[in-house]
């Protein structure tokens, strides 16, 4: 049988707080979201009966470890803020040992998803291609990234 491309998706849930100080609405204030991240990878199933992952693109457990290590464990229950935030705020957060991630972008869903793409593409195994990410910020709002849109 001819090898064919397959896509698999794994979902992750985590909590993140952020602020968008340049925003004109209430999102300029520190607030949080219960994010859902859907990670879809594609590839040809492994065709080697001597391997325990025969018939898989990547074991779901291995994909889970990668995403948890690169994204979920880093961002879960963290406050994500732009590096240009006030020095007073930075000082207070550091003094109180809050889990804060300082980024060089405004932490919108769009920018977060691009950060996640970079983190995952750098570490996925050979033959496993990142197909798409979907980052759901609320029940009715999400950002999507597709590899096919970025060739």
Protein backbone atom coordinates (compact mmCIF):
# COMPACT_ATOMS: atom_id res chain seq x y z
CA UNK A 1 0.00 0.00 0.00
CA UNK A 2 1.27 3.46 -0.94
CA UNK A 3 2.20 5.68 2.00
CA UNK A 4 -0.15 8.62 2.46
CA UNK A 5 0.01 11.78 4.55
CA UNK A 6 -2.07 11.73 7.71
CA UNK A 7 -2.84 14.46 10.24
CA UNK A 8 -3.28 13.95 13.97
CA UNK A 9 -4.37 16.49 16.55
CA UNK A 10 -3.82 16.73 20.31
CA UNK A 11 -5.53 19.31 22.53
CA UNK A 12 -4.14 21.01 25.61
CA UNK A 13 -5.73 23.24 28.24
CA UNK A 14 -3.91 25.80 30.37
CA UNK A 15 -4.45 29.10 32.17
CA UNK A 16 -2.61 32.31 31.29
CA UNK A 17 -2.91 35.91 32.42
CA UNK A 18 -1.79 38.80 30.25
CA UNK A 19 -2.31 42.49 29.60
CA UNK A 20 -2.42 44.51 26.41
CA UNK A 21 -1.51 48.02 27.62
CA UNK A 22 -1.82 49.54 24.12
CA UNK A 23 -5.39 48.25 23.78
CA UNK A 24 -8.15 50.82 24.15
CA UNK A 25 -10.59 48.44 25.82
CA UNK A 26 -10.65 46.45 29.05
CA UNK A 27 -7.93 44.08 27.79
CA UNK A 28 -5.36 46.73 28.69
CA UNK A 29 -5.79 45.47 32.28
CA UNK A 30 -4.25 42.26 33.58
CA UNK A 31 -6.77 39.47 33.00
CA UNK A 32 -6.72 35.76 32.36
CA UNK A 33 -7.99 33.12 29.97
CA UNK A 34 -8.53 29.38 30.00
CA UNK A 35 -6.76 28.59 26.74
CA UNK A 36 -7.27 25.50 24.60
CA UNK A 37 -4.45 24.76 22.16
CA UNK A 38 -5.02 22.28 19.33
CA UNK A 39 -1.79 21.05 17.75
CA UNK A 40 -2.09 19.28 14.39
CA UNK A 41 0.91 17.56 12.84
CA UNK A 42 1.16 15.68 9.57
CA UNK A 43 3.39 13.04 8.10
CA UNK A 44 3.56 9.54 6.76
CA UNK A 45 2.86 6.74 9.23
CA UNK A 46 6.02 4.82 10.13
CA UNK A 47 6.25 1.57 8.18
CA UNK A 48 8.66 -0.52 10.21
CA UNK A 49 7.28 -3.50 12.13
CA UNK A 50 10.36 -3.56 14.36
CA UNK A 51 9.44 -0.18 15.86
CA UNK A 52 6.89 0.27 18.68
CA UNK A 53 5.51 3.34 16.87
CA UNK A 54 4.86 1.42 13.66
CA UNK A 55 1.76 2.80 11.93
CA UNK A 56 2.03 6.18 13.70
CA UNK A 57 3.21 9.60 12.56
CA UNK A 58 4.24 10.27 16.15
CA UNK A 59 3.00 8.64 19.32
CA UNK A 60 0.34 10.88 20.93
CA UNK A 61 2.28 10.53 24.19
CA UNK A 62 5.44 11.85 22.55
CA UNK A 63 3.55 14.78 21.03
CA UNK A 64 2.05 15.46 24.46
CA UNK A 65 5.52 15.55 26.07
CA UNK A 66 6.84 17.96 23.44
CA UNK A 67 3.93 20.40 23.75
CA UNK A 68 3.85 20.18 27.54
CA UNK A 69 7.60 20.87 27.79
CA UNK A 70 7.72 23.67 25.21
CA UNK A 71 4.42 25.44 25.90
CA UNK A 72 2.08 24.22 28.64
CA UNK A 73 4.58 23.92 31.51
CA UNK A 74 6.10 27.27 30.52
CA UNK A 75 2.89 29.29 30.14
CA UNK A 76 0.41 27.58 32.49
CA UNK A 77 -0.57 29.86 35.37
CA UNK A 78 1.91 32.51 34.24
CA UNK A 79 1.50 36.21 33.66
CA UNK A 80 2.70 37.14 30.15
CA UNK A 81 3.73 40.75 29.67
CA UNK A 82 5.60 42.81 27.10
CA UNK A 83 9.21 43.58 28.06
CA UNK A 84 8.44 47.28 27.70
CA UNK A 85 6.10 47.25 30.72
CA UNK A 86 6.76 49.74 33.51
CA UNK A 87 9.84 49.23 35.65
CA UNK A 88 7.70 49.57 38.79
CA UNK A 89 5.48 46.71 37.65
CA UNK A 90 8.52 44.56 36.79
CA UNK A 91 10.08 45.25 40.18
CA UNK A 92 6.91 44.38 42.11
CA UNK A 93 6.34 41.16 40.19
CA UNK A 94 9.95 40.03 40.69
CA UNK A 95 9.89 40.98 44.37
CA UNK A 96 6.79 38.83 44.91
CA UNK A 97 8.12 35.88 42.86
CA UNK A 98 5.16 35.77 40.49
CA UNK A 99 5.55 33.45 37.52
CA UNK A 100 6.02 36.08 34.85
CA UNK A 101 7.10 35.64 31.24
CA UNK A 102 8.52 38.74 29.62
CA UNK A 103 8.14 38.69 25.84
CA UNK A 104 9.25 41.06 23.09
CA UNK A 105 5.75 41.13 21.59
CA UNK A 106 2.33 42.20 22.80
CA UNK A 107 0.81 38.94 24.10
CA UNK A 108 -2.23 38.79 21.84
CA UNK A 109 -3.56 35.41 20.74
CA UNK A 110 -2.03 36.04 17.34
CA UNK A 111 1.43 36.70 18.75
CA UNK A 112 1.23 33.86 21.28
CA UNK A 113 0.37 31.38 18.53
CA UNK A 114 3.38 32.55 16.48
CA UNK A 115 5.60 32.05 19.53
CA UNK A 116 4.17 28.52 19.95
CA UNK A 117 4.79 27.73 16.27
CA UNK A 118 8.45 28.68 16.63
CA UNK A 119 8.85 26.62 19.80
CA UNK A 120 7.32 23.50 18.22
CA UNK A 121 8.92 23.70 14.78
CA UNK A 122 12.34 23.81 16.41
CA UNK A 123 11.86 20.48 18.17
CA UNK A 124 9.49 18.20 16.21
CA UNK A 125 11.12 14.98 15.05
CA UNK A 126 12.18 14.48 11.44
CA UNK A 127 9.25 13.58 9.21
CA UNK A 128 6.71 15.22 11.52
CA UNK A 129 5.50 18.54 10.13
CA UNK A 130 3.54 21.16 12.02
CA UNK A 131 0.31 21.48 10.03
CA UNK A 132 -1.71 23.91 12.16
CA UNK A 133 -2.31 25.38 15.58
CA UNK A 134 -5.57 26.69 16.98
CA UNK A 135 -5.44 28.76 20.15
CA UNK A 136 -8.87 29.25 21.69
CA UNK A 137 -8.88 32.23 24.07
CA UNK A 138 -12.60 32.20 24.91
CA UNK A 139 -15.58 30.06 23.95
CA UNK A 140 -16.13 32.27 20.90
CA UNK A 141 -12.65 33.62 20.02
CA UNK A 142 -9.57 31.91 18.65
CA UNK A 143 -6.50 32.39 16.46
CA UNK A 144 -5.33 29.85 13.88
CA UNK A 145 -2.03 29.25 12.12
CA UNK A 146 -1.62 27.02 9.06
CA UNK A 147 1.70 25.98 7.54
CA UNK A 148 0.12 26.18 4.07
CA UNK A 149 -0.57 29.90 4.59
CA UNK A 150 3.09 30.54 5.45
CA UNK A 151 5.08 28.94 2.64
